[in-house]
N, C-alpha and C. Protein backbone atom coordinates (compact mmCIF):
# COMPACT_ATOMS: atom_id res chain seq x y z
N UNK A 1 -0.84 6.75 39.69
CA UNK A 1 -0.26 7.39 40.60
C UNK A 1 1.11 6.43 39.92
N UNK A 2 1.32 5.41 39.21
CA UNK A 2 2.59 4.90 38.61
C UNK A 2 2.52 5.30 36.91
N UNK A 3 1.43 6.01 36.82
CA UNK A 3 1.56 6.42 35.03
C UNK A 3 2.89 6.53 34.66
N UNK A 4 3.63 7.61 35.14
CA UNK A 4 5.10 8.57 35.04
C UNK A 4 5.81 7.30 34.95
N UNK A 5 5.97 6.28 36.19
CA UNK A 5 7.26 5.14 35.70
C UNK A 5 6.67 4.56 34.71
N UNK A 6 5.56 4.36 34.54
CA UNK A 6 5.28 3.35 33.15
C UNK A 6 5.79 4.00 31.81
N UNK A 7 5.98 4.96 31.84
CA UNK A 7 5.86 5.92 30.46
C UNK A 7 7.47 5.62 30.52
N UNK A 8 8.40 5.68 31.36
CA UNK A 8 9.88 5.59 31.47
C UNK A 8 10.17 4.03 31.48
N UNK A 9 9.45 3.06 31.89
CA UNK A 9 9.70 1.79 31.58
C UNK A 9 9.80 0.98 30.50
N UNK A 10 8.62 2.06 29.65
CA UNK A 10 8.11 2.04 28.43
C UNK A 10 8.92 2.13 27.49
N UNK A 11 9.39 3.65 27.47
CA UNK A 11 10.56 4.20 27.01
C UNK A 11 12.29 3.75 26.80
N UNK A 12 12.27 3.21 28.12
CA UNK A 12 13.72 2.66 28.62
C UNK A 12 13.31 1.12 27.40
N UNK A 13 12.06 0.35 27.74
CA UNK A 13 12.14 -0.84 26.55
C UNK A 13 12.50 -0.84 25.49
N UNK A 14 11.82 0.23 24.69
CA UNK A 14 12.33 0.36 23.42
C UNK A 14 13.69 0.41 23.14
N UNK A 15 14.24 1.44 24.28
CA UNK A 15 15.99 1.84 23.81
C UNK A 15 16.55 0.61 24.09
N UNK A 16 16.35 -0.21 25.06
CA UNK A 16 17.13 -1.08 24.74
C UNK A 16 16.83 -2.30 23.96
N UNK A 17 15.58 -2.58 23.69
CA UNK A 17 15.38 -3.46 22.46
C UNK A 17 15.43 -3.55 21.38
N UNK A 18 16.15 -1.65 20.68
CA UNK A 18 16.69 -1.73 19.52
C UNK A 18 17.90 -1.37 19.41
N UNK A 19 18.68 -1.76 20.90
CA UNK A 19 20.17 -1.29 20.31
C UNK A 19 20.79 -2.77 20.80
N UNK A 20 21.26 -3.80 19.74
CA UNK A 20 21.89 -5.15 19.77
C UNK A 20 23.23 -4.72 20.68
N UNK A 21 23.07 -5.98 21.12
CA UNK A 21 24.79 -6.59 21.87
C UNK A 21 26.08 -6.22 20.72
N UNK A 22 26.45 -5.47 21.46
CA UNK A 22 27.99 -5.31 20.96
C UNK A 22 27.83 -4.21 20.03
N UNK A 23 26.98 -3.45 19.75
CA UNK A 23 26.54 -2.23 19.20
C UNK A 23 27.15 -0.80 19.47
N UNK A 24 27.64 -0.06 19.16
CA UNK A 24 28.05 1.24 19.74
C UNK A 24 27.04 1.52 20.04
N UNK A 25 26.85 2.97 20.74
CA UNK A 25 25.45 3.95 21.37
C UNK A 25 25.73 4.89 20.05
N UNK A 26 26.38 5.14 18.53
CA UNK A 26 26.05 6.03 17.93
C UNK A 26 24.24 6.26 17.72
N UNK A 27 24.16 4.84 17.43
CA UNK A 27 22.52 4.75 16.81
C UNK A 27 21.82 4.12 18.16
N UNK A 28 21.75 4.67 19.13
CA UNK A 28 20.68 4.98 20.14
C UNK A 28 19.13 5.43 19.91
N UNK A 29 18.50 4.51 19.66
CA UNK A 29 16.90 4.80 19.48
C UNK A 29 16.60 6.37 20.06
N UNK A 30 16.26 7.15 19.59
CA UNK A 30 15.31 8.43 19.92
C UNK A 30 13.84 8.17 20.41
N UNK A 31 13.15 8.18 21.29
CA UNK A 31 12.18 8.16 21.62
C UNK A 31 11.45 9.10 21.84
N UNK A 32 10.12 9.65 21.31
CA UNK A 32 9.17 10.88 21.26
C UNK A 32 7.49 9.99 21.87
N UNK A 33 7.56 10.33 23.45
CA UNK A 33 6.47 9.39 24.10
C UNK A 33 5.19 10.78 24.10
N UNK A 34 3.85 10.44 23.35
CA UNK A 34 2.77 11.30 23.40
C UNK A 34 1.89 10.94 24.29
N UNK A 35 1.40 11.16 25.25
CA UNK A 35 0.13 10.65 26.15
C UNK A 35 -0.98 11.44 25.90
N UNK A 36 -2.27 10.96 25.88
CA UNK A 36 -3.07 11.29 25.71
C UNK A 36 -4.25 10.87 26.73
N UNK A 37 -4.10 12.15 27.61
CA UNK A 37 -4.54 12.06 29.23
C UNK A 37 -6.39 12.22 29.38
N UNK A 38 -6.79 11.31 29.85
CA UNK A 38 -8.04 11.55 30.43
C UNK A 38 -8.56 12.20 31.65
N UNK A 39 -7.14 12.40 32.35
CA UNK A 39 -7.39 12.09 34.09
C UNK A 39 -6.28 13.39 34.05
N UNK A 40 -7.08 13.73 35.07
CA UNK A 40 -5.58 15.14 35.69
C UNK A 40 -4.32 14.70 36.29
N UNK A 41 -3.19 14.34 35.16
CA UNK A 41 -1.67 13.96 36.12
C UNK A 41 -1.08 15.14 36.45
N UNK A 42 -1.48 14.97 37.71
CA UNK A 42 -0.52 16.32 38.61
C UNK A 42 -1.48 17.40 38.70
N UNK A 43 -0.88 18.59 39.36
CA UNK A 43 -1.63 19.99 38.96
C UNK A 43 -1.44 20.75 38.26
N UNK A 44 -2.19 21.18 37.98
CA UNK A 44 -1.19 22.92 36.39
C UNK A 44 -2.44 23.21 35.87
N UNK A 45 -2.58 23.86 35.71
CA UNK A 45 -3.57 24.98 34.57
C UNK A 45 -3.24 24.69 32.76
N UNK A 46 -2.56 24.05 32.33
CA UNK A 46 -2.02 23.88 31.18
C UNK A 46 -3.05 22.61 30.72
N UNK A 47 -2.96 22.64 29.12
CA UNK A 47 -3.57 21.06 28.88
C UNK A 47 -2.66 20.28 28.11
N UNK A 48 -1.48 21.07 27.79
CA UNK A 48 0.00 20.66 27.08
C UNK A 48 1.24 20.67 27.73
N UNK A 49 1.62 19.84 27.94
CA UNK A 49 3.11 19.60 28.96
C UNK A 49 3.97 19.38 27.97
N UNK A 50 5.05 19.40 27.93
CA UNK A 50 6.60 19.09 27.66
C UNK A 50 7.57 18.67 28.32
N UNK A 51 8.22 17.31 28.28
CA UNK A 51 9.36 17.39 29.12
C UNK A 51 11.03 16.47 28.28
N UNK A 52 11.87 16.96 29.05
CA UNK A 52 12.92 15.90 28.22
C UNK A 52 13.79 16.18 29.57
N UNK A 53 15.11 15.15 29.21
CA UNK A 53 16.40 15.34 30.09
C UNK A 53 17.20 16.90 30.36
N UNK A 54 17.09 17.25 31.14
CA UNK A 54 18.48 18.48 30.73
C UNK A 54 19.29 18.52 32.08
N UNK A 55 20.48 18.79 31.75
CA UNK A 55 21.31 18.98 32.89
C UNK A 55 21.74 20.47 33.21
N UNK A 56 21.23 20.78 34.63
CA UNK A 56 21.56 22.30 35.29
C UNK A 56 22.67 22.46 36.20
N UNK A 57 23.22 22.86 36.12
CA UNK A 57 24.22 23.25 37.14
C UNK A 57 23.73 23.61 38.36
N UNK A 58 24.35 22.73 39.41
CA UNK A 58 23.87 23.11 40.66
C UNK A 58 24.05 24.38 41.35
N UNK A 59 24.83 24.79 41.12
CA UNK A 59 25.84 26.09 41.72
C UNK A 59 25.59 27.55 40.77
N UNK A 60 25.67 27.20 39.52
CA UNK A 60 25.29 28.62 38.75
C UNK A 60 24.28 28.75 38.06
N UNK A 61 23.21 27.19 37.84
CA UNK A 61 21.94 27.18 37.55
C UNK A 61 22.14 27.20 36.14
N UNK A 62 23.09 27.12 35.37
CA UNK A 62 23.26 27.11 33.97
C UNK A 62 23.15 25.94 33.26
N UNK A 63 22.50 25.85 32.12
CA UNK A 63 22.45 24.27 31.80
C UNK A 63 23.85 23.97 30.78
N UNK A 64 24.21 22.64 30.93
CA UNK A 64 25.32 22.04 30.26
C UNK A 64 24.79 22.08 28.51
N UNK A 65 25.53 22.71 28.08
CA UNK A 65 25.44 22.75 26.50
C UNK A 65 26.18 21.52 26.36
N UNK A 66 25.74 20.46 25.66
CA UNK A 66 25.91 19.45 25.07
C UNK A 66 25.98 19.24 23.87
N UNK A 67 26.69 18.47 22.78
CA UNK A 67 26.57 18.25 21.37
C UNK A 67 25.35 17.63 21.23
N UNK A 68 25.29 16.20 22.20
CA UNK A 68 24.05 15.25 21.97
C UNK A 68 22.64 15.18 23.02
N UNK A 69 22.42 16.78 23.17
CA UNK A 69 21.31 16.55 23.74
C UNK A 69 20.18 16.55 23.80
N UNK A 70 19.96 16.60 22.18
CA UNK A 70 18.70 16.14 21.28
C UNK A 70 18.00 14.48 21.20
N UNK A 71 19.55 13.89 21.92
CA UNK A 71 18.95 12.13 22.31
C UNK A 71 18.24 11.71 23.52
N UNK A 72 18.01 12.43 24.42
CA UNK A 72 17.08 12.02 25.35
C UNK A 72 15.65 12.17 24.60
N UNK A 73 15.04 11.05 25.76
CA UNK A 73 13.38 11.11 25.07
C UNK A 73 12.93 12.20 25.52
N UNK A 74 11.67 12.34 24.62
CA UNK A 74 11.09 13.36 24.79
C UNK A 74 9.66 13.06 24.93
N UNK A 75 8.93 13.97 25.75
CA UNK A 75 7.92 13.53 26.59
C UNK A 75 6.52 14.80 26.52
N UNK A 76 5.15 14.12 25.80
CA UNK A 76 4.26 15.34 25.79
C UNK A 76 3.05 14.83 26.23
N UNK A 77 2.51 15.87 27.24
CA UNK A 77 1.40 14.98 28.15
C UNK A 77 0.20 16.36 27.87
N UNK A 78 -0.78 15.39 27.18
CA UNK A 78 -2.03 16.06 26.53
C UNK A 78 -3.04 15.89 27.43
N UNK A 79 -3.45 16.93 28.70
CA UNK A 79 -4.46 16.70 29.19
C UNK A 79 -5.95 17.21 28.97
N UNK A 80 -6.75 16.20 28.19
CA UNK A 80 -7.86 16.02 27.34
C UNK A 80 -8.86 17.54 27.87
N UNK A 81 -9.13 17.06 28.99
CA UNK A 81 -9.84 17.65 30.13
C UNK A 81 -10.13 19.20 30.21
N UNK A 82 -8.45 19.56 30.44
CA UNK A 82 -8.50 20.97 30.16
C UNK A 82 -8.39 21.64 29.32
N UNK A 83 -8.31 21.02 28.30
CA UNK A 83 -8.45 21.91 27.04
C UNK A 83 -10.24 22.36 26.89
N UNK A 84 -10.08 23.76 26.41
CA UNK A 84 -10.85 24.53 26.23
C UNK A 84 -11.80 25.12 25.00
N UNK A 85 -11.75 24.36 23.87
CA UNK A 85 -12.10 24.28 23.10
C UNK A 85 -11.83 25.24 22.28
N UNK A 86 -10.48 25.92 22.68
CA UNK A 86 -10.01 27.28 21.50
C UNK A 86 -9.03 26.45 21.04
N UNK A 87 -8.88 27.11 19.90
CA UNK A 87 -7.71 26.59 18.50
C UNK A 87 -6.71 27.53 18.14
N UNK A 88 -5.50 27.29 18.69
CA UNK A 88 -4.71 28.45 18.81
C UNK A 88 -3.36 28.36 17.79
N UNK A 89 -3.41 27.02 18.36
CA UNK A 89 -2.15 26.19 16.98
C UNK A 89 -2.49 25.20 16.37
N UNK A 90 -1.68 24.42 15.47
CA UNK A 90 -2.53 23.49 15.19
C UNK A 90 -2.78 22.23 15.95
N UNK A 91 -1.98 21.94 16.77
CA UNK A 91 -1.94 20.74 18.02
C UNK A 91 -3.17 20.75 18.24
N UNK A 92 -4.01 21.90 18.62
CA UNK A 92 -5.03 22.26 18.98
C UNK A 92 -6.04 21.69 18.29
N UNK A 93 -6.14 21.66 17.40
CA UNK A 93 -7.10 20.97 15.98
C UNK A 93 -7.37 19.78 16.34
N UNK A 94 -5.91 18.70 16.91
CA UNK A 94 -5.78 17.50 17.08
C UNK A 94 -6.84 16.96 18.45
N UNK A 95 -6.50 18.02 19.47
CA UNK A 95 -6.39 17.63 20.81
C UNK A 95 -8.25 18.11 20.86
N UNK A 96 -8.72 18.96 19.99
CA UNK A 96 -10.10 19.19 19.83
C UNK A 96 -11.20 17.70 19.59
N UNK A 97 -10.19 17.07 18.50
CA UNK A 97 -10.86 15.64 18.25
C UNK A 97 -10.89 14.95 19.26
N UNK A 98 -9.49 15.10 20.03
CA UNK A 98 -9.31 14.00 21.01
C UNK A 98 -10.75 14.59 22.37
N UNK A 99 -11.29 15.59 22.64
CA UNK A 99 -12.11 15.82 23.52
C UNK A 99 -13.49 15.83 22.88
N UNK A 100 -13.85 15.91 21.71
CA UNK A 100 -15.13 15.98 21.65
C UNK A 100 -15.23 15.21 20.81
N UNK A 101 -13.84 14.51 19.66
CA UNK A 101 -14.89 13.18 18.34
C UNK A 101 -15.30 13.91 17.52
N UNK A 102 -15.00 14.80 16.71
CA UNK A 102 -15.26 15.32 15.62
C UNK A 102 -13.90 16.67 15.31
N UNK A 103 -14.00 16.72 14.38
CA UNK A 103 -13.40 17.66 13.87
C UNK A 103 -13.43 19.19 13.79
N UNK A 104 -13.20 20.11 13.91
CA UNK A 104 -13.18 21.71 14.72
C UNK A 104 -13.49 22.16 13.13
N UNK A 105 -14.12 22.84 12.86
CA UNK A 105 -14.79 23.65 11.51
C UNK A 105 -13.00 24.50 10.81
N UNK A 106 -12.56 24.76 9.83
CA UNK A 106 -12.27 25.46 9.82
C UNK A 106 -10.70 24.68 9.95
N UNK A 107 -10.20 23.36 10.41
CA UNK A 107 -9.35 22.49 10.46
C UNK A 107 -8.54 22.53 9.48
N UNK A 108 -7.36 22.42 9.44
CA UNK A 108 -6.53 22.44 8.24
C UNK A 108 -5.09 21.42 8.22
N UNK A 109 -4.88 21.02 9.53
CA UNK A 109 -3.81 20.20 10.21
C UNK A 109 -3.67 19.32 8.59
N UNK A 110 -2.65 19.13 8.84
CA UNK A 110 -2.13 17.46 7.64
C UNK A 110 -2.91 16.43 7.92
N UNK A 111 -3.44 15.47 7.20
CA UNK A 111 -4.23 14.76 7.21
C UNK A 111 -5.38 14.85 8.07
N UNK A 112 -5.89 15.70 8.69
CA UNK A 112 -6.79 15.75 9.59
C UNK A 112 -8.40 15.52 8.86
N UNK A 113 -8.10 15.95 7.55
CA UNK A 113 -9.13 15.02 6.60
C UNK A 113 -9.34 13.57 6.71
N UNK A 114 -8.28 12.66 6.93
CA UNK A 114 -8.08 11.46 6.73
C UNK A 114 -9.23 11.30 8.36
N UNK A 115 -8.35 12.07 9.46
CA UNK A 115 -9.09 12.07 10.73
C UNK A 115 -10.88 11.86 10.50
N UNK A 116 -11.24 12.54 9.69
CA UNK A 116 -12.86 13.35 9.91
C UNK A 116 -13.21 12.06 8.89
N UNK A 117 -12.78 11.56 8.03
CA UNK A 117 -13.41 10.29 7.60
C UNK A 117 -13.37 9.05 8.49
N UNK A 118 -12.56 8.92 9.13
CA UNK A 118 -12.41 7.52 9.99
C UNK A 118 -13.26 8.23 11.04
N UNK A 119 -13.36 9.33 11.86
CA UNK A 119 -14.55 9.70 12.46
C UNK A 119 -15.95 9.32 12.27
N UNK A 120 -16.22 9.50 11.14
CA UNK A 120 -17.19 9.59 10.57
C UNK A 120 -17.92 8.05 10.31
N UNK A 121 -16.92 7.47 10.23
CA UNK A 121 -17.14 5.92 10.45
C UNK A 121 -17.52 5.21 11.50
N UNK A 122 -16.58 5.63 12.82
CA UNK A 122 -16.90 5.31 13.89
C UNK A 122 -18.12 5.52 14.73
N UNK A 123 -17.98 6.86 14.33
CA UNK A 123 -19.47 7.51 14.96
C UNK A 123 -21.04 7.13 14.36
N UNK A 124 -20.64 5.97 13.42
CA UNK A 124 -22.27 5.74 12.46
C UNK A 124 -22.87 4.77 13.61
N UNK A 125 -24.11 4.52 12.97
CA UNK A 125 -25.22 3.32 14.07
C UNK A 125 -25.13 2.54 12.82
N UNK A 126 -25.07 1.16 13.58
CA UNK A 126 -24.94 -0.08 12.80
C UNK A 126 -25.89 0.17 11.68
N UNK A 127 -26.75 0.83 11.28
CA UNK A 127 -27.38 0.83 10.13
C UNK A 127 -26.78 1.62 9.19
N UNK A 128 -26.32 2.68 9.65
CA UNK A 128 -25.46 3.02 8.72
C UNK A 128 -24.31 2.76 8.66
N UNK A 129 -23.34 2.26 9.15
CA UNK A 129 -21.92 1.63 9.19
C UNK A 129 -22.85 0.60 7.53
N UNK A 130 -23.86 -0.59 7.61
CA UNK A 130 -23.97 -1.03 6.70
C UNK A 130 -24.45 -0.60 5.58
N UNK A 131 -25.43 0.17 5.84
CA UNK A 131 -25.43 0.91 4.25
C UNK A 131 -24.04 1.31 3.85
N UNK A 132 -23.11 1.67 4.37
CA UNK A 132 -22.09 2.47 3.79
C UNK A 132 -21.28 1.44 3.36
N UNK A 133 -21.09 0.09 4.09
CA UNK A 133 -19.97 -0.75 3.53
C UNK A 133 -21.00 -1.05 2.49
N UNK A 134 -22.07 -1.47 2.46
CA UNK A 134 -22.80 -1.91 1.24
C UNK A 134 -22.32 -0.81 -0.01
N UNK A 135 -22.50 0.42 0.21
CA UNK A 135 -22.31 1.47 -0.83
C UNK A 135 -20.77 1.07 -1.53
N UNK A 136 -19.73 0.86 -0.51
CA UNK A 136 -18.13 0.72 -0.55
C UNK A 136 -18.16 -0.08 -1.70
N UNK A 137 -18.84 -1.55 -1.43
CA UNK A 137 -18.73 -3.17 -1.83
C UNK A 137 -19.13 -2.74 -3.44
N UNK A 138 -20.18 -1.82 -3.62
CA UNK A 138 -21.02 -1.59 -4.61
C UNK A 138 -20.24 -0.56 -5.66
N UNK A 139 -19.18 -0.01 -5.14
CA UNK A 139 -18.18 1.24 -5.69
C UNK A 139 -16.92 0.20 -6.17
N UNK A 140 -16.64 -0.97 -5.61
CA UNK A 140 -15.47 -1.67 -6.25
C UNK A 140 -16.20 -2.72 -7.26
N UNK A 141 -17.25 -3.01 -6.84
CA UNK A 141 -18.13 -3.82 -8.00
C UNK A 141 -17.84 -3.07 -9.16
N UNK A 142 -18.65 -2.04 -9.36
CA UNK A 142 -18.70 -1.06 -10.36
C UNK A 142 -17.31 -0.94 -10.98
N UNK A 143 -16.40 -0.31 -10.19
CA UNK A 143 -14.93 -0.14 -10.56
C UNK A 143 -14.62 -1.27 -11.49
N UNK A 144 -14.79 -2.74 -11.00
CA UNK A 144 -14.47 -3.68 -11.65
C UNK A 144 -15.14 -4.45 -12.72
N UNK A 145 -16.62 -4.11 -12.72
CA UNK A 145 -17.00 -4.13 -13.92
C UNK A 145 -16.44 -3.22 -15.14
N UNK A 146 -16.39 -2.13 -15.28
CA UNK A 146 -15.96 -1.12 -16.13
C UNK A 146 -14.06 -1.62 -16.23
N UNK A 147 -13.46 -2.05 -15.74
CA UNK A 147 -12.03 -2.49 -15.61
C UNK A 147 -12.39 -4.01 -16.56
N UNK A 148 -13.38 -4.68 -16.24
CA UNK A 148 -13.23 -6.15 -16.90
C UNK A 148 -14.31 -5.80 -18.02
N UNK A 149 -14.59 -4.56 -17.86
CA UNK A 149 -15.65 -4.40 -19.77
C UNK A 149 -14.38 -3.47 -20.61
N UNK A 150 -13.57 -3.06 -20.42
CA UNK A 150 -12.53 -2.10 -20.90
C UNK A 150 -11.24 -3.46 -21.91
N UNK A 151 -11.23 -3.93 -20.61
CA UNK A 151 -10.47 -5.00 -20.97
C UNK A 151 -10.73 -6.37 -22.07
N UNK A 152 -11.80 -6.51 -21.67
CA UNK A 152 -12.82 -7.56 -22.72
C UNK A 152 -12.64 -6.33 -24.13
N UNK A 153 -12.90 -5.50 -24.14
CA UNK A 153 -13.17 -4.62 -25.35
C UNK A 153 -11.79 -4.51 -25.98
N UNK A 154 -10.41 -4.12 -25.07
CA UNK A 154 -9.00 -4.48 -25.46
C UNK A 154 -8.97 -5.70 -26.37
N UNK A 155 -9.04 -6.88 -25.87
CA UNK A 155 -9.18 -8.16 -26.36
C UNK A 155 -10.03 -8.37 -27.72
N UNK A 156 -11.17 -7.67 -27.46
CA UNK A 156 -12.12 -8.04 -28.33
C UNK A 156 -11.61 -7.56 -29.84
N UNK A 157 -11.04 -6.13 -29.90
CA UNK A 157 -10.43 -5.28 -30.40
C UNK A 157 -9.59 -6.14 -31.44
N UNK A 158 -8.70 -6.71 -30.55
CA UNK A 158 -7.60 -7.27 -31.12
C UNK A 158 -7.82 -8.80 -31.71
N UNK A 159 -8.33 -9.42 -30.96
CA UNK A 159 -8.73 -10.46 -31.51
C UNK A 159 -10.13 -10.25 -33.04
N UNK A 160 -10.65 -9.42 -33.09
CA UNK A 160 -11.17 -8.97 -34.56
C UNK A 160 -10.17 -8.84 -35.48
N UNK A 161 -9.49 -7.81 -35.07
CA UNK A 161 -7.95 -7.07 -36.12
C UNK A 161 -7.67 -8.30 -36.83
N UNK A 162 -7.03 -9.15 -35.82
CA UNK A 162 -6.54 -10.28 -36.30
C UNK A 162 -7.12 -11.08 -37.18
N UNK A 163 -8.86 -11.16 -37.00
CA UNK A 163 -8.93 -12.38 -37.78
C UNK A 163 -9.66 -11.93 -38.76
N UNK A 164 -10.07 -10.20 -39.15
CA UNK A 164 -9.99 -9.58 -40.31
C UNK A 164 -8.60 -9.41 -41.12
N UNK A 165 -7.81 -9.59 -40.72
CA UNK A 165 -6.62 -9.65 -41.24
C UNK A 165 -6.60 -10.81 -41.80
N UNK A 166 -6.96 -12.08 -41.18
CA UNK A 166 -6.58 -13.36 -42.01
C UNK A 166 -7.72 -13.60 -42.45
N UNK A 167 -8.65 -13.12 -42.84
CA UNK A 167 -9.59 -13.66 -43.63
C UNK A 167 -9.61 -12.41 -44.77
N UNK A 168 -9.38 -11.11 -44.74
CA UNK A 168 -9.33 -10.58 -45.96
C UNK A 168 -7.70 -10.91 -46.70
N UNK A 169 -6.70 -11.44 -46.03
CA UNK A 169 -5.52 -12.03 -46.92
C UNK A 169 -5.84 -13.52 -47.23
N UNK A 170 -6.84 -13.96 -47.03
CA UNK A 170 -7.00 -15.48 -47.39
C UNK A 170 -8.21 -15.11 -48.72
N UNK A 171 -8.84 -14.30 -48.72
CA UNK A 171 -10.13 -13.58 -49.55
C UNK A 171 -9.35 -13.31 -51.04
N UNK A 172 -8.19 -12.16 -50.38
CA UNK A 172 -6.96 -11.61 -51.97
C UNK A 172 -6.27 -12.62 -52.15
N UNK A 173 -5.86 -13.76 -51.47
CA UNK A 173 -5.20 -14.91 -51.85
C UNK A 173 -5.98 -15.86 -53.02
N UNK A 174 -7.32 -16.17 -52.23
CA UNK A 174 -8.16 -16.85 -53.76
C UNK A 174 -8.41 -15.91 -54.50
N UNK A 175 -8.70 -15.06 -54.39
CA UNK A 175 -8.82 -13.95 -55.70
C UNK A 175 -7.79 -13.89 -56.76
N UNK A 176 -6.53 -13.72 -56.41
CA UNK A 176 -5.27 -13.73 -56.98
C UNK A 176 -4.86 -15.44 -57.79
N UNK A 177 -5.38 -15.94 -57.22
CA UNK A 177 -5.60 -17.43 -58.05
C UNK A 177 -6.51 -17.58 -58.85
N UNK A 178 -7.70 -17.16 -58.67
CA UNK A 178 -8.36 -16.78 -59.86
C UNK A 178 -8.52 -16.08 -60.77
N UNK A 179 -7.87 -15.02 -60.79
CA UNK A 179 -7.59 -14.59 -61.45
C UNK A 179 -6.13 -14.40 -62.77
N UNK A 180 -5.59 -15.71 -61.84
CA UNK A 180 -4.36 -16.47 -62.81
C UNK A 180 -4.93 -17.49 -63.69
N UNK A 181 -5.77 -17.88 -63.17
CA UNK A 181 -6.60 -19.44 -64.27
C UNK A 181 -7.28 -18.39 -65.21
N UNK A 182 -8.08 -17.83 -64.76
CA UNK A 182 -9.04 -17.00 -65.76
C UNK A 182 -8.31 -16.50 -66.50
N UNK A 183 -7.00 -15.84 -66.43
CA UNK A 183 -5.71 -15.03 -67.34
C UNK A 183 -5.91 -16.41 -68.41
N UNK A 184 -4.77 -17.49 -67.80
CA UNK A 184 -4.48 -18.18 -68.52
C UNK A 184 -5.58 -19.36 -69.22
N UNK A 185 -7.06 -19.22 -68.51
CA UNK A 185 -8.29 -19.70 -69.62
C UNK A 185 -8.18 -18.80 -70.75
N UNK A 186 -8.03 -17.40 -70.61
CA UNK A 186 -8.39 -16.99 -72.09
C UNK A 186 -7.44 -16.79 -72.97
N UNK A 187 -6.40 -17.12 -72.38
CA UNK A 187 -4.94 -16.92 -73.27
C UNK A 187 -5.29 -18.40 -74.26
N UNK A 188 -6.21 -19.17 -73.49
CA UNK A 188 -6.32 -20.26 -74.12
C UNK A 188 -7.53 -20.43 -74.88
N UNK A 189 -8.36 -19.42 -75.03
CA UNK A 189 -9.46 -19.22 -75.46
C UNK A 189 -10.54 -19.42 -75.36
N UNK A 190 -11.11 -19.49 -74.03
CA UNK A 190 -11.60 -20.00 -73.23
C UNK A 190 -12.83 -19.57 -73.35
N UNK A 191 -14.11 -19.66 -73.38
CA UNK A 191 -15.26 -19.15 -73.17
C UNK A 191 -15.65 -18.54 -71.68
N UNK A 192 -16.39 -17.14 -71.03
CA UNK A 192 -16.81 -16.79 -70.51
C UNK A 192 -17.64 -17.94 -69.34
N UNK A 193 -18.46 -18.05 -70.05
CA UNK A 193 -19.06 -19.04 -69.39
C UNK A 193 -18.32 -20.54 -68.55
N UNK A 194 -17.26 -20.53 -69.42
CA UNK A 194 -16.58 -22.24 -68.66
C UNK A 194 -15.53 -21.47 -67.62
N UNK A 195 -15.09 -20.10 -67.81
CA UNK A 195 -13.92 -19.17 -66.99
C UNK A 195 -14.99 -19.18 -65.50
N UNK A 196 -16.11 -18.68 -65.87
CA UNK A 196 -16.90 -18.36 -64.77
C UNK A 196 -16.93 -19.69 -63.91
N UNK A 197 -17.69 -20.40 -64.26
CA UNK A 197 -17.83 -21.99 -64.16
C UNK A 197 -16.45 -22.45 -63.13
N UNK A 198 -15.44 -21.95 -63.81
CA UNK A 198 -13.81 -22.85 -63.01
C UNK A 198 -13.53 -21.44 -61.50
N UNK A 199 -14.32 -20.38 -61.93
CA UNK A 199 -13.17 -19.27 -61.28
C UNK A 199 -14.28 -18.50 -60.02
N UNK A 200 -15.63 -18.71 -60.61
CA UNK A 200 -16.95 -18.12 -59.94
C UNK A 200 -16.51 -16.78 -60.01
N UNK A 201 -16.09 -16.23 -60.80
CA UNK A 201 -15.73 -14.42 -61.04
C UNK A 201 -16.95 -14.34 -62.40
N UNK A 202 -17.08 -13.08 -62.12
CA UNK A 202 -18.22 -12.54 -63.00
C UNK A 202 -17.95 -12.10 -64.61
N UNK A 203 -19.33 -11.84 -65.04
CA UNK A 203 -18.81 -11.79 -66.44
C UNK A 203 -17.91 -10.63 -66.85
N UNK A 204 -18.63 -9.91 -66.42
CA UNK A 204 -18.23 -8.27 -65.98
C UNK A 204 -16.30 -8.28 -65.65
N UNK A 205 -16.09 -8.89 -64.82
CA UNK A 205 -15.17 -9.22 -64.31
C UNK A 205 -13.76 -9.98 -65.09
N UNK A 206 -14.16 -10.76 -65.96
CA UNK A 206 -13.67 -11.84 -66.84
C UNK A 206 -13.53 -10.77 -68.44
N UNK A 207 -14.22 -9.91 -68.64
CA UNK A 207 -14.18 -9.13 -69.75
C UNK A 207 -13.03 -8.02 -69.20
N UNK A 208 -12.91 -7.37 -68.33
CA UNK A 208 -11.82 -6.64 -68.24
C UNK A 208 -10.45 -7.20 -68.05
N UNK A 209 -10.44 -8.88 -67.88
CA UNK A 209 -9.38 -9.54 -67.52
C UNK A 209 -9.15 -9.73 -69.30
N UNK A 210 -10.13 -9.46 -69.85
CA UNK A 210 -9.39 -9.74 -71.30
C UNK A 210 -8.80 -9.01 -72.44
N UNK A 211 -9.14 -7.68 -71.02
CA UNK A 211 -8.57 -6.30 -72.13
C UNK A 211 -7.34 -6.28 -71.43
N UNK A 212 -6.93 -6.77 -70.77
CA UNK A 212 -5.73 -6.76 -69.87
C UNK A 212 -4.72 -6.81 -70.82
N UNK A 213 -4.42 -7.90 -71.50
CA UNK A 213 -3.30 -8.63 -71.90
C UNK A 213 -3.10 -7.19 -73.16
N UNK A 214 -3.96 -6.04 -73.80
CA UNK A 214 -4.08 -5.34 -74.69
C UNK A 214 -3.77 -4.59 -73.88
N UNK A 215 -3.58 -4.23 -72.94
CA UNK A 215 -2.95 -2.32 -72.13
C UNK A 215 -2.01 -2.32 -72.42
């Protein structure tokens, strides 16, 4: 019996709470109220009603033309039980959901696919919901495993690259030192056997170095 009064109260409360003291009225909140009703509010044949504040001349019957005519609250009353399950407008796709707890085939309204997903979860049995939740958890875990493996692979690649670079640098550095020692020993007339003992170079490598001064 008092539903319309509660709508008026809620609207008024929103406007007042969002209007700060000493603030001018240029930023008064615009309120749009949408009621999804599962009972008949008043008499009528339609399932979708719209109402707002209008000023009409008592003598002329003509509406008063105003600059801020859109500032007044707007009310939409959707009487679900009166809806005949016939989709003529986009809004009917949503009213169909309110009445039937499912999305009508061929629905194309924005975000209605999200509503369909939510409804499918709501309508699950306890066993189905547990399986679905387990499936979602496994999806998250699988994604985490793949992400972790990728990060580990990247880190391993970087570490191995740095390690190989350091080892190669050290090897090359040691080889250069050995070659310098071998060249000096060759210049002093030392034998291949003695040079190999101090440098661990092969006999073939030492012979190559012996030819180098003559190149």
